[in-house]
C-alpha cells in the first residue's frame, strides 16, 4: 500500500473524496489482449460468487477505472 500526500491543486484522494480515516488503494489486472480480457470479465460477471458478493468492502461510486495502451514495450 502506498500513502499519498494531499496535493496542492489536485490529487487522487480528492478525486475519490477520501476521508481522513480512509486509504486510497491502487489495483490493476494485466490481460494479454482485449479478446482474453473480454472473455475473462464475462466469465467473472457470471460467477455465482459475484452474485453473493453484496457486502462490498469499498464504495463503488468513488471508483475510478479505465484502460491503457502501451506506449513502450521492452524485450523480455
N, C-alpha and C. Protein backbone atom coordinates (compact mmCIF):
# COMPACT_ATOMS: atom_id res chain seq x y z
N UNK A 1 0.84 -1.17 0.00
CA UNK A 1 0.00 0.00 0.00
C UNK A 1 0.89 1.24 0.00
N UNK A 2 0.45 2.24 -0.72
CA UNK A 2 1.19 3.50 -0.82
C UNK A 2 0.35 4.60 -0.18
N UNK A 3 0.92 5.36 0.72
CA UNK A 3 0.22 6.51 1.29
C UNK A 3 0.50 7.72 0.42
N UNK A 4 -0.54 8.38 -0.02
CA UNK A 4 -0.41 9.53 -0.90
C UNK A 4 -0.64 10.82 -0.14
N UNK A 5 0.31 11.75 -0.23
CA UNK A 5 0.06 13.04 0.41
C UNK A 5 -0.95 13.84 -0.40
N UNK A 6 -1.66 14.75 0.26
CA UNK A 6 -2.60 15.59 -0.47
C UNK A 6 -1.83 16.57 -1.33
N UNK A 7 -2.34 16.80 -2.53
CA UNK A 7 -1.68 17.70 -3.47
C UNK A 7 -2.10 19.14 -3.27
N UNK A 8 -1.43 20.03 -3.96
CA UNK A 8 -1.73 21.45 -3.88
C UNK A 8 -2.93 21.82 -4.76
N UNK A 9 -3.05 21.18 -5.93
CA UNK A 9 -4.11 21.53 -6.88
C UNK A 9 -5.11 20.39 -7.02
N UNK A 10 -4.62 19.22 -7.32
CA UNK A 10 -5.49 18.05 -7.49
C UNK A 10 -4.71 16.80 -7.08
N UNK A 11 -5.41 15.85 -6.56
CA UNK A 11 -4.77 14.59 -6.18
C UNK A 11 -5.82 13.49 -6.16
N UNK A 12 -5.36 12.26 -6.04
CA UNK A 12 -6.24 11.11 -6.07
C UNK A 12 -7.19 11.11 -4.87
N UNK A 13 -6.70 11.49 -3.72
CA UNK A 13 -7.56 11.50 -2.52
C UNK A 13 -8.76 12.41 -2.72
N UNK A 14 -8.55 13.56 -3.32
CA UNK A 14 -9.67 14.47 -3.57
C UNK A 14 -10.58 13.93 -4.67
N UNK A 15 -10.00 13.29 -5.67
CA UNK A 15 -10.79 12.76 -6.78
C UNK A 15 -11.81 11.73 -6.31
N UNK A 16 -11.45 10.95 -5.29
CA UNK A 16 -12.37 9.92 -4.77
C UNK A 16 -13.03 10.34 -3.46
N UNK A 17 -12.82 11.59 -3.07
CA UNK A 17 -13.42 12.15 -1.85
C UNK A 17 -13.09 11.31 -0.62
N UNK A 18 -11.82 10.91 -0.50
CA UNK A 18 -11.39 10.09 0.64
C UNK A 18 -11.40 10.90 1.93
N UNK A 19 -11.95 10.29 2.98
CA UNK A 19 -11.93 10.92 4.30
C UNK A 19 -10.59 10.62 4.97
N UNK A 20 -10.32 11.29 6.08
CA UNK A 20 -9.05 11.11 6.80
C UNK A 20 -8.85 9.67 7.25
N UNK A 21 -9.93 8.96 7.59
CA UNK A 21 -9.82 7.59 8.10
C UNK A 21 -9.84 6.55 6.99
N UNK A 22 -9.75 6.97 5.73
CA UNK A 22 -9.78 6.04 4.60
C UNK A 22 -8.44 6.01 3.89
N UNK A 23 -8.17 4.90 3.23
CA UNK A 23 -6.97 4.74 2.41
C UNK A 23 -7.37 4.65 0.96
N UNK A 24 -6.52 5.18 0.09
CA UNK A 24 -6.71 5.05 -1.36
C UNK A 24 -5.87 3.86 -1.81
N UNK A 25 -6.48 2.95 -2.55
CA UNK A 25 -5.81 1.73 -2.98
C UNK A 25 -5.77 1.68 -4.50
N UNK A 26 -4.61 1.37 -5.05
CA UNK A 26 -4.45 1.16 -6.49
C UNK A 26 -4.40 -0.34 -6.76
N UNK A 27 -5.10 -0.77 -7.77
CA UNK A 27 -5.11 -2.17 -8.15
C UNK A 27 -5.24 -2.26 -9.66
N UNK A 28 -4.67 -3.29 -10.25
CA UNK A 28 -4.81 -3.45 -11.69
C UNK A 28 -4.67 -4.90 -12.08
N UNK A 29 -5.20 -5.20 -13.25
CA UNK A 29 -5.08 -6.52 -13.85
C UNK A 29 -4.47 -6.32 -15.23
N UNK A 30 -3.48 -7.10 -15.55
CA UNK A 30 -2.87 -7.02 -16.87
C UNK A 30 -3.32 -8.24 -17.68
N UNK A 31 -4.01 -7.98 -18.78
CA UNK A 31 -4.51 -9.03 -19.66
C UNK A 31 -3.61 -9.11 -20.89
N UNK A 32 -3.42 -10.30 -21.46
CA UNK A 32 -2.58 -10.43 -22.65
C UNK A 32 -3.13 -9.66 -23.86
N UNK A 33 -4.47 -9.63 -23.97
CA UNK A 33 -5.09 -8.89 -25.08
C UNK A 33 -6.57 -8.65 -24.76
N UNK A 34 -7.22 -7.86 -25.59
CA UNK A 34 -8.61 -7.46 -25.35
C UNK A 34 -9.58 -8.64 -25.44
N UNK A 35 -9.34 -9.57 -26.36
CA UNK A 35 -10.23 -10.73 -26.51
C UNK A 35 -10.24 -11.56 -25.22
N UNK A 36 -9.07 -11.83 -24.68
CA UNK A 36 -8.97 -12.60 -23.44
C UNK A 36 -9.57 -11.81 -22.28
N UNK A 37 -9.35 -10.50 -22.26
CA UNK A 37 -9.93 -9.67 -21.20
C UNK A 37 -11.45 -9.72 -21.25
N UNK A 38 -12.03 -9.56 -22.42
CA UNK A 38 -13.49 -9.59 -22.55
C UNK A 38 -14.07 -10.93 -22.11
N UNK A 39 -13.42 -12.03 -22.51
CA UNK A 39 -13.89 -13.36 -22.12
C UNK A 39 -13.76 -13.56 -20.61
N UNK A 40 -12.65 -13.13 -20.04
CA UNK A 40 -12.44 -13.27 -18.60
C UNK A 40 -13.43 -12.46 -17.79
N UNK A 41 -13.70 -11.23 -18.21
CA UNK A 41 -14.65 -10.39 -17.49
C UNK A 41 -16.07 -10.95 -17.60
N UNK A 42 -16.44 -11.47 -18.77
CA UNK A 42 -17.77 -12.08 -18.93
C UNK A 42 -17.93 -13.28 -18.00
N UNK A 43 -16.89 -14.11 -17.92
CA UNK A 43 -16.95 -15.27 -17.03
C UNK A 43 -17.03 -14.84 -15.57
N UNK A 44 -16.28 -13.82 -15.21
CA UNK A 44 -16.30 -13.30 -13.85
C UNK A 44 -17.69 -12.80 -13.47
N UNK A 45 -18.31 -12.04 -14.35
CA UNK A 45 -19.62 -11.46 -14.05
C UNK A 45 -20.72 -12.52 -13.95
N UNK A 46 -20.51 -13.70 -14.53
CA UNK A 46 -21.49 -14.78 -14.47
C UNK A 46 -21.24 -15.74 -13.30
N UNK A 47 -20.15 -15.56 -12.59
CA UNK A 47 -19.80 -16.46 -11.49
C UNK A 47 -20.79 -16.31 -10.34
N UNK A 48 -21.26 -17.43 -9.79
CA UNK A 48 -22.20 -17.38 -8.65
C UNK A 48 -21.65 -16.60 -7.46
N UNK A 49 -20.35 -16.65 -7.24
CA UNK A 49 -19.77 -15.92 -6.11
C UNK A 49 -19.95 -14.41 -6.25
N UNK A 50 -20.00 -13.92 -7.50
CA UNK A 50 -20.19 -12.48 -7.70
C UNK A 50 -21.59 -12.05 -7.27
N UNK A 51 -22.58 -12.89 -7.52
CA UNK A 51 -23.95 -12.56 -7.11
C UNK A 51 -24.07 -12.52 -5.60
N UNK A 52 -23.30 -13.34 -4.92
CA UNK A 52 -23.35 -13.40 -3.46
C UNK A 52 -22.54 -12.28 -2.81
N UNK A 53 -21.73 -11.59 -3.57
CA UNK A 53 -20.85 -10.55 -3.02
C UNK A 53 -21.59 -9.23 -2.88
N UNK A 54 -22.54 -9.17 -1.96
CA UNK A 54 -23.31 -7.94 -1.76
C UNK A 54 -22.63 -6.99 -0.79
N UNK A 55 -21.79 -7.51 0.08
CA UNK A 55 -21.08 -6.66 1.04
C UNK A 55 -19.72 -6.26 0.47
N UNK A 56 -19.74 -5.24 -0.34
CA UNK A 56 -18.51 -4.75 -0.98
C UNK A 56 -17.70 -3.97 0.05
N UNK A 57 -16.38 -4.20 0.14
CA UNK A 57 -15.57 -3.53 1.16
C UNK A 57 -15.22 -2.08 0.80
N UNK A 58 -15.74 -1.57 -0.32
CA UNK A 58 -15.45 -0.18 -0.70
C UNK A 58 -16.67 0.43 -1.37
N UNK A 59 -16.66 1.73 -1.50
CA UNK A 59 -17.77 2.46 -2.12
C UNK A 59 -17.51 2.52 -3.62
N UNK A 60 -18.23 1.70 -4.38
CA UNK A 60 -18.04 1.62 -5.82
C UNK A 60 -18.34 2.92 -6.56
N UNK A 61 -19.12 3.80 -5.95
CA UNK A 61 -19.43 5.09 -6.58
C UNK A 61 -18.21 5.99 -6.66
N UNK A 62 -17.20 5.71 -5.83
CA UNK A 62 -15.99 6.54 -5.83
C UNK A 62 -14.82 5.83 -6.51
N UNK A 63 -15.12 4.81 -7.30
CA UNK A 63 -14.09 4.06 -8.00
C UNK A 63 -13.76 4.73 -9.33
N UNK A 64 -12.51 4.81 -9.65
CA UNK A 64 -12.05 5.32 -10.94
C UNK A 64 -11.43 4.16 -11.69
N UNK A 65 -11.83 3.96 -12.93
CA UNK A 65 -11.25 2.86 -13.70
C UNK A 65 -11.08 3.31 -15.14
N UNK A 66 -10.27 2.58 -15.82
CA UNK A 66 -10.04 2.91 -17.23
C UNK A 66 -9.16 1.87 -17.88
N UNK A 67 -8.87 2.09 -19.13
CA UNK A 67 -8.00 1.20 -19.88
C UNK A 67 -6.77 1.97 -20.32
N UNK A 68 -5.75 1.24 -20.65
CA UNK A 68 -4.49 1.86 -21.03
C UNK A 68 -3.93 1.16 -22.25
N UNK A 69 -3.17 1.89 -23.00
CA UNK A 69 -2.44 1.32 -24.12
C UNK A 69 -0.95 1.46 -23.84
N UNK A 70 -0.18 0.45 -24.20
CA UNK A 70 1.27 0.53 -24.01
C UNK A 70 1.86 1.54 -24.97
N UNK A 71 2.74 2.35 -24.46
CA UNK A 71 3.45 3.30 -25.34
C UNK A 71 4.91 2.89 -25.51
N UNK A 72 5.38 1.99 -24.63
CA UNK A 72 6.75 1.48 -24.73
C UNK A 72 6.70 0.00 -24.42
N UNK A 73 7.34 -0.81 -25.24
CA UNK A 73 7.46 -2.24 -24.98
C UNK A 73 8.93 -2.59 -24.87
N UNK A 74 9.28 -3.28 -23.82
CA UNK A 74 10.66 -3.70 -23.61
C UNK A 74 10.78 -5.18 -23.95
N UNK A 75 11.89 -5.59 -24.53
CA UNK A 75 12.07 -7.02 -24.83
C UNK A 75 12.14 -7.83 -23.55
N UNK A 76 11.67 -9.07 -23.63
CA UNK A 76 11.70 -9.96 -22.46
C UNK A 76 13.08 -10.34 -22.07
